[in-house]
N, C-alpha and C. Protein backbone atom coordinates (compact mmCIF):
# COMPACT_ATOMS: atom_id res chain seq x y z
N MET A 1 171.27 72.72 37.56
CA MET A 1 170.99 73.94 37.81
C MET A 1 169.97 73.77 39.44
N ALA A 2 170.15 74.92 40.03
CA ALA A 2 169.62 75.11 41.50
C ALA A 2 169.12 76.33 41.49
N PHE A 3 168.10 76.31 42.56
CA PHE A 3 167.43 77.72 42.77
C PHE A 3 167.82 78.45 43.88
N PHE A 4 168.29 79.64 44.21
CA PHE A 4 168.95 80.04 45.44
C PHE A 4 167.96 81.41 45.94
N LYS A 5 167.75 81.63 46.91
CA LYS A 5 167.32 83.11 47.55
C LYS A 5 168.34 83.71 47.73
N VAL A 6 168.29 85.06 47.38
CA VAL A 6 169.13 86.33 47.44
C VAL A 6 168.70 87.27 48.07
N LYS A 7 169.28 87.98 48.96
CA LYS A 7 168.69 89.04 49.69
C LYS A 7 169.69 90.16 49.50
N VAL A 8 169.12 91.43 49.06
CA VAL A 8 169.61 92.53 48.99
C VAL A 8 169.43 93.76 49.65
N GLN A 9 170.15 94.39 50.38
CA GLN A 9 170.27 95.32 51.45
C GLN A 9 170.61 96.74 50.29
N ARG A 10 169.60 97.73 50.63
CA ARG A 10 170.19 99.20 49.99
C ARG A 10 170.15 99.89 50.48
N GLU A 11 170.81 100.97 50.20
CA GLU A 11 171.12 102.18 50.98
C GLU A 11 170.10 102.76 51.83
N CYS A 12 169.04 102.73 51.23
CA CYS A 12 167.73 103.58 51.94
C CYS A 12 166.84 102.48 53.06
N ASN A 13 167.94 101.57 53.45
CA ASN A 13 167.64 100.47 54.43
C ASN A 13 166.13 99.68 54.03
N THR A 14 165.98 99.50 52.74
CA THR A 14 164.91 98.49 52.34
C THR A 14 165.59 97.27 51.71
N THR A 15 165.00 96.24 51.86
CA THR A 15 165.71 94.69 51.74
C THR A 15 164.83 94.13 50.35
N ARG A 16 165.10 93.63 49.38
CA ARG A 16 164.65 92.86 48.60
C ARG A 16 165.25 91.54 48.37
N HIS A 17 164.32 90.94 48.00
CA HIS A 17 164.62 89.36 48.05
C HIS A 17 164.28 88.84 46.49
N PHE A 18 165.41 87.88 46.09
CA PHE A 18 165.19 87.27 44.61
C PHE A 18 165.34 86.13 44.95
N ASN A 19 164.54 85.31 44.07
CA ASN A 19 164.71 83.80 43.37
C ASN A 19 165.33 83.74 42.23
N VAL A 20 166.64 83.04 42.10
CA VAL A 20 167.73 83.18 40.98
C VAL A 20 168.11 81.42 40.98
N VAL A 21 167.99 81.33 39.54
CA VAL A 21 168.64 80.05 38.93
C VAL A 21 170.23 79.95 38.80
N ALA A 22 170.69 79.24 39.34
CA ALA A 22 172.18 79.44 39.13
C ALA A 22 172.84 77.70 39.47
N THR A 23 173.95 77.45 38.87
CA THR A 23 174.70 76.39 39.39
C THR A 23 175.46 76.35 40.79
N ARG A 24 175.66 77.68 40.90
CA ARG A 24 176.47 77.89 42.14
C ARG A 24 176.17 78.94 42.94
N PRO A 25 176.63 79.33 44.01
CA PRO A 25 176.07 80.61 44.90
C PRO A 25 176.70 81.81 44.20
N GLN A 26 178.05 81.81 43.90
CA GLN A 26 178.42 82.67 43.18
C GLN A 26 178.02 83.35 41.69
N GLU A 27 177.33 82.39 41.11
CA GLU A 27 176.37 82.62 39.91
C GLU A 27 175.07 83.18 40.40
N ALA A 28 174.54 82.90 41.57
CA ALA A 28 173.24 83.71 42.19
C ALA A 28 173.55 85.17 42.57
N LEU A 29 174.66 85.20 42.77
CA LEU A 29 175.00 86.58 43.17
C LEU A 29 175.04 87.66 41.74
N GLN A 30 175.79 87.03 40.95
CA GLN A 30 175.78 87.59 39.76
C GLN A 30 174.62 87.99 39.03
N ALA A 31 173.87 86.86 39.01
CA ALA A 31 172.34 86.72 38.63
C ALA A 31 171.56 88.12 39.15
N ALA A 32 171.81 88.11 40.20
CA ALA A 32 171.00 89.29 41.14
C ALA A 32 171.72 90.39 40.71
N ALA A 33 172.97 90.66 40.78
CA ALA A 33 173.78 92.05 40.42
C ALA A 33 173.27 92.46 38.98
N LEU A 34 172.89 91.41 38.18
CA LEU A 34 172.77 91.91 36.74
C LEU A 34 171.23 92.29 36.64
N GLN A 35 170.24 91.79 37.32
CA GLN A 35 169.05 92.14 37.46
C GLN A 35 168.87 93.69 37.94
N LEU A 36 169.65 93.88 39.12
CA LEU A 36 169.24 95.13 39.85
C LEU A 36 169.89 95.97 38.83
N ARG A 37 170.90 95.73 38.15
CA ARG A 37 171.52 96.56 37.24
C ARG A 37 170.50 97.17 36.19
N ASP A 38 169.88 95.74 35.44
CA ASP A 38 168.78 96.13 34.28
C ASP A 38 167.73 96.84 34.85
N GLU A 39 167.41 96.91 36.20
CA GLU A 39 166.31 97.65 36.81
C GLU A 39 166.67 99.00 37.00
N GLY A 40 168.19 99.13 36.80
CA GLY A 40 168.49 100.83 37.42
C GLY A 40 168.73 100.88 38.76
N VAL A 41 168.76 100.15 39.62
CA VAL A 41 169.24 99.97 40.94
C VAL A 41 170.48 100.16 40.92
N ALA A 42 170.92 101.21 41.77
CA ALA A 42 172.47 101.55 41.93
C ALA A 42 172.69 101.68 43.31
N ASP A 43 172.29 101.77 44.08
CA ASP A 43 172.30 101.99 45.19
C ASP A 43 172.20 100.92 46.82
N ALA A 44 173.00 99.62 45.89
CA ALA A 44 172.68 98.68 46.86
C ALA A 44 173.92 98.48 47.84
N LYS A 45 173.96 98.13 49.02
CA LYS A 45 174.92 98.15 50.07
C LYS A 45 175.63 96.49 49.85
N SER A 46 174.66 95.34 49.89
CA SER A 46 175.35 94.32 50.09
C SER A 46 173.97 93.44 49.23
N ILE A 47 174.81 92.22 48.64
CA ILE A 47 174.14 91.03 48.32
C ILE A 47 174.55 90.05 48.67
N GLU A 48 173.59 88.98 49.37
CA GLU A 48 173.93 87.77 49.82
C GLU A 48 173.23 86.79 49.71
N VAL A 49 173.74 85.44 49.23
CA VAL A 49 172.96 84.27 49.28
C VAL A 49 172.22 83.82 50.70
N ILE A 50 171.12 83.56 50.44
CA ILE A 50 170.51 83.14 51.98
C ILE A 50 170.39 81.89 51.81
N GLY A 51 170.29 81.17 50.73
CA GLY A 51 170.24 79.66 50.75
C GLY A 51 169.83 79.03 49.76
N GLN A 52 169.73 78.06 49.49
CA GLN A 52 169.14 77.20 48.16
C GLN A 52 167.74 76.72 48.55
N ILE A 53 166.80 76.92 47.71
CA ILE A 53 165.46 76.70 47.99
C ILE A 53 165.01 75.42 46.94
N SER A 54 163.96 74.86 47.28
CA SER A 54 163.24 73.79 46.43
C SER A 54 162.81 74.07 44.83
N SER A 55 162.16 75.45 44.88
CA SER A 55 161.64 76.02 43.61
C SER A 55 161.55 77.28 43.86
N LEU A 56 161.32 78.01 42.64
CA LEU A 56 161.31 79.40 42.27
C LEU A 56 160.27 80.04 43.22
N ARG A 57 159.36 79.28 43.39
CA ARG A 57 158.14 79.93 43.96
C ARG A 57 158.13 80.04 45.47
N ASP A 58 159.29 79.38 46.50
CA ASP A 58 159.59 79.55 47.84
C ASP A 58 160.02 80.86 48.34
């Protein structure tokens, strides 16, 4: 497992960053999308993996 930092751009031009645990970058995107769905966020324009990080605190 690896830690990834994911950036979400919303339609209201706000940016949100997530730290997620996944084995591949594609899984990090899926984890971020599921977290957004669980929080009721429906206006995401883009989700991108910024990079791999060393811990969830970074």
